């Protein structure tokens, strides 16, 4: 399955960041309250991560600083 979306990166105090996955993407990945493993890219740099339920119905995806640099 291949899903794409654009999102704004929210940078955390430690330099890492996260994006909020759109509801349609989370639903396309199976939804639910569990972490969902993903493979993605940021500006052409591949990475592996997982969605994280944020407790309010949204899912975040952590993007480590090393991936962005």
N, C-alpha and C. Protein backbone atom coordinates (compact mmCIF):
# COMPACT_ATOMS: atom_id res chain seq x y z
N UNK A 1 0.85 -1.16 0.00
CA UNK A 1 0.00 0.00 0.00
C UNK A 1 0.90 1.24 0.00
N UNK A 2 0.50 2.25 -0.75
CA UNK A 2 1.29 3.47 -0.87
C UNK A 2 0.38 4.66 -0.62
N UNK A 3 0.63 5.40 0.45
CA UNK A 3 -0.15 6.58 0.79
C UNK A 3 0.80 7.77 0.90
N UNK A 4 0.40 8.91 0.41
CA UNK A 4 1.23 10.10 0.53
C UNK A 4 0.43 11.23 1.17
N UNK A 5 1.13 12.12 1.84
CA UNK A 5 0.51 13.31 2.37
C UNK A 5 1.58 14.35 2.67
N UNK A 6 1.17 15.59 2.72
CA UNK A 6 2.04 16.69 3.12
C UNK A 6 1.63 17.11 4.52
N UNK A 7 2.62 17.45 5.32
CA UNK A 7 2.33 17.89 6.69
C UNK A 7 3.42 18.82 7.16
N UNK A 8 3.09 19.65 8.11
CA UNK A 8 4.07 20.54 8.71
C UNK A 8 4.82 19.80 9.81
N UNK A 9 6.13 19.94 9.80
CA UNK A 9 6.96 19.32 10.83
C UNK A 9 6.93 20.19 12.08
N UNK A 10 6.65 19.59 13.21
CA UNK A 10 6.66 20.27 14.50
C UNK A 10 7.95 19.86 15.20
N UNK A 11 8.86 20.81 15.41
CA UNK A 11 10.17 20.50 15.99
C UNK A 11 10.08 20.57 17.51
N UNK A 12 10.59 19.53 18.17
CA UNK A 12 10.59 19.44 19.62
C UNK A 12 11.86 20.07 20.19
N UNK A 13 11.91 20.28 21.48
CA UNK A 13 13.05 20.93 22.12
C UNK A 13 14.36 20.15 21.96
N UNK A 14 14.30 18.83 21.78
CA UNK A 14 15.51 18.03 21.62
C UNK A 14 15.99 17.99 20.17
N UNK A 15 15.29 18.68 19.28
CA UNK A 15 15.68 18.72 17.87
C UNK A 15 14.94 17.72 17.00
N UNK A 16 14.37 16.68 17.62
CA UNK A 16 13.55 15.75 16.85
C UNK A 16 12.22 16.44 16.55
N UNK A 17 11.44 15.83 15.74
CA UNK A 17 10.16 16.43 15.42
C UNK A 17 9.12 15.38 15.14
N UNK A 18 7.91 15.84 14.88
CA UNK A 18 6.86 14.91 14.49
C UNK A 18 5.87 15.62 13.59
N UNK A 19 5.13 14.82 12.86
CA UNK A 19 4.04 15.33 12.04
C UNK A 19 2.77 14.63 12.49
N UNK A 20 1.65 15.26 12.27
CA UNK A 20 0.36 14.66 12.56
C UNK A 20 -0.14 14.01 11.27
N UNK A 21 -0.40 12.73 11.32
CA UNK A 21 -0.90 12.01 10.15
C UNK A 21 -2.38 12.34 9.94
N UNK A 22 -2.77 12.64 8.71
CA UNK A 22 -4.18 12.90 8.44
C UNK A 22 -5.04 11.67 8.77
N UNK A 23 -6.27 11.91 9.18
CA UNK A 23 -7.19 10.81 9.52
C UNK A 23 -7.32 9.81 8.38
N UNK A 24 -7.37 10.31 7.14
CA UNK A 24 -7.53 9.42 5.99
C UNK A 24 -6.34 8.47 5.84
N UNK A 25 -5.15 8.93 6.17
CA UNK A 25 -3.95 8.09 6.10
C UNK A 25 -3.99 7.04 7.20
N UNK A 26 -4.32 7.45 8.41
CA UNK A 26 -4.41 6.50 9.53
C UNK A 26 -5.47 5.44 9.22
N UNK A 27 -6.61 5.85 8.70
CA UNK A 27 -7.66 4.89 8.34
C UNK A 27 -7.17 3.95 7.24
N UNK A 28 -6.43 4.48 6.27
CA UNK A 28 -5.89 3.65 5.19
C UNK A 28 -4.87 2.65 5.66
N UNK A 29 -4.22 2.94 6.80
CA UNK A 29 -3.24 2.02 7.38
C UNK A 29 -3.87 1.03 8.35
N UNK A 30 -5.16 1.13 8.54
CA UNK A 30 -5.84 0.20 9.44
C UNK A 30 -6.39 0.86 10.68
N UNK A 31 -6.03 2.13 10.92
CA UNK A 31 -6.57 2.89 12.05
C UNK A 31 -6.30 2.23 13.39
N UNK A 32 -7.16 2.51 14.33
CA UNK A 32 -7.05 1.90 15.65
C UNK A 32 -6.23 2.72 16.62
N UNK A 33 -6.03 2.13 17.79
CA UNK A 33 -5.31 2.81 18.87
C UNK A 33 -3.89 2.31 19.04
N UNK A 34 -3.45 1.43 18.17
CA UNK A 34 -2.11 0.86 18.28
C UNK A 34 -1.13 1.62 17.40
N UNK A 35 0.16 1.40 17.64
CA UNK A 35 1.19 1.94 16.75
C UNK A 35 1.11 1.20 15.43
N UNK A 36 1.36 1.93 14.36
CA UNK A 36 1.33 1.35 13.01
C UNK A 36 2.71 1.57 12.40
N UNK A 37 3.47 0.49 12.10
CA UNK A 37 4.79 0.67 11.50
C UNK A 37 4.67 1.25 10.10
N UNK A 38 5.58 2.16 9.76
CA UNK A 38 5.57 2.78 8.44
C UNK A 38 6.97 2.88 7.89
N UNK A 39 7.07 3.05 6.59
CA UNK A 39 8.30 3.41 5.88
C UNK A 39 7.94 4.66 5.11
N UNK A 40 8.78 5.68 5.20
CA UNK A 40 8.46 6.92 4.53
C UNK A 40 9.71 7.64 4.05
N UNK A 41 9.51 8.86 3.57
CA UNK A 41 10.64 9.68 3.19
C UNK A 41 10.34 11.13 3.51
N UNK A 42 11.39 11.85 3.85
CA UNK A 42 11.33 13.28 4.10
C UNK A 42 12.36 13.92 3.19
N UNK A 43 11.90 14.74 2.27
CA UNK A 43 12.79 15.40 1.31
C UNK A 43 13.73 14.41 0.63
N UNK A 44 13.19 13.24 0.29
CA UNK A 44 13.96 12.22 -0.42
C UNK A 44 14.78 11.30 0.46
N UNK A 45 14.78 11.49 1.78
CA UNK A 45 15.54 10.65 2.70
C UNK A 45 14.60 9.62 3.32
N UNK A 46 14.88 8.35 3.08
CA UNK A 46 14.03 7.27 3.58
C UNK A 46 14.21 7.09 5.08
N UNK A 47 13.14 6.69 5.75
CA UNK A 47 13.20 6.38 7.17
C UNK A 47 12.11 5.39 7.54
N UNK A 48 12.28 4.74 8.68
CA UNK A 48 11.27 3.85 9.26
C UNK A 48 10.84 4.44 10.58
N UNK A 49 9.56 4.32 10.86
CA UNK A 49 9.03 4.85 12.11
C UNK A 49 7.72 4.13 12.38
N UNK A 50 6.93 4.68 13.25
CA UNK A 50 5.58 4.16 13.46
C UNK A 50 4.71 5.33 13.90
N UNK A 51 3.42 5.20 13.63
CA UNK A 51 2.50 6.21 14.12
C UNK A 51 2.33 5.99 15.61
N UNK A 52 2.03 7.06 16.32
CA UNK A 52 1.81 6.97 17.77
C UNK A 52 0.47 7.61 18.09
N UNK A 53 -0.44 6.86 18.69
CA UNK A 53 -1.69 7.48 19.12
C UNK A 53 -1.38 8.60 20.12
N UNK A 54 -2.02 9.74 19.94
CA UNK A 54 -1.74 10.90 20.78
C UNK A 54 -2.77 11.08 21.89
N UNK A 55 -3.75 10.18 21.97
CA UNK A 55 -4.73 10.25 23.05
C UNK A 55 -5.95 11.10 22.74
N UNK A 56 -5.91 11.80 21.62
CA UNK A 56 -7.04 12.65 21.24
C UNK A 56 -7.63 12.24 19.90
N UNK A 57 -7.33 11.00 19.47
CA UNK A 57 -7.83 10.51 18.19
C UNK A 57 -6.86 10.72 17.04
N UNK A 58 -5.82 11.53 17.26
CA UNK A 58 -4.83 11.76 16.21
C UNK A 58 -3.64 10.82 16.39
N UNK A 59 -2.88 10.66 15.31
CA UNK A 59 -1.65 9.87 15.34
C UNK A 59 -0.49 10.75 14.89
N UNK A 60 0.60 10.70 15.65
CA UNK A 60 1.81 11.42 15.28
C UNK A 60 2.85 10.46 14.72
N UNK A 61 3.74 10.99 13.90
CA UNK A 61 4.86 10.21 13.37
C UNK A 61 6.13 10.95 13.74
N UNK A 62 7.00 10.30 14.51
CA UNK A 62 8.26 10.92 14.91
C UNK A 62 9.21 10.94 13.72
N UNK A 63 9.88 12.08 13.55
CA UNK A 63 10.89 12.26 12.51
C UNK A 63 12.15 12.73 13.22
N UNK A 64 13.13 11.84 13.33
CA UNK A 64 14.35 12.15 14.06
C UNK A 64 15.16 13.22 13.33
N UNK A 65 15.90 14.01 14.10
CA UNK A 65 16.72 15.09 13.56
C UNK A 65 17.70 14.56 12.51
N UNK A 66 18.27 13.40 12.72
CA UNK A 66 19.23 12.83 11.78
C UNK A 66 18.62 12.61 10.40
N UNK A 67 17.33 12.33 10.34
CA UNK A 67 16.66 12.13 9.06
C UNK A 67 16.51 13.47 8.33
N UNK A 68 16.27 14.53 9.08
CA UNK A 68 16.05 15.84 8.48
C UNK A 68 17.32 16.55 8.07
N UNK A 69 18.45 16.21 8.69
CA UNK A 69 19.71 16.91 8.41
C UNK A 69 20.44 16.38 7.20
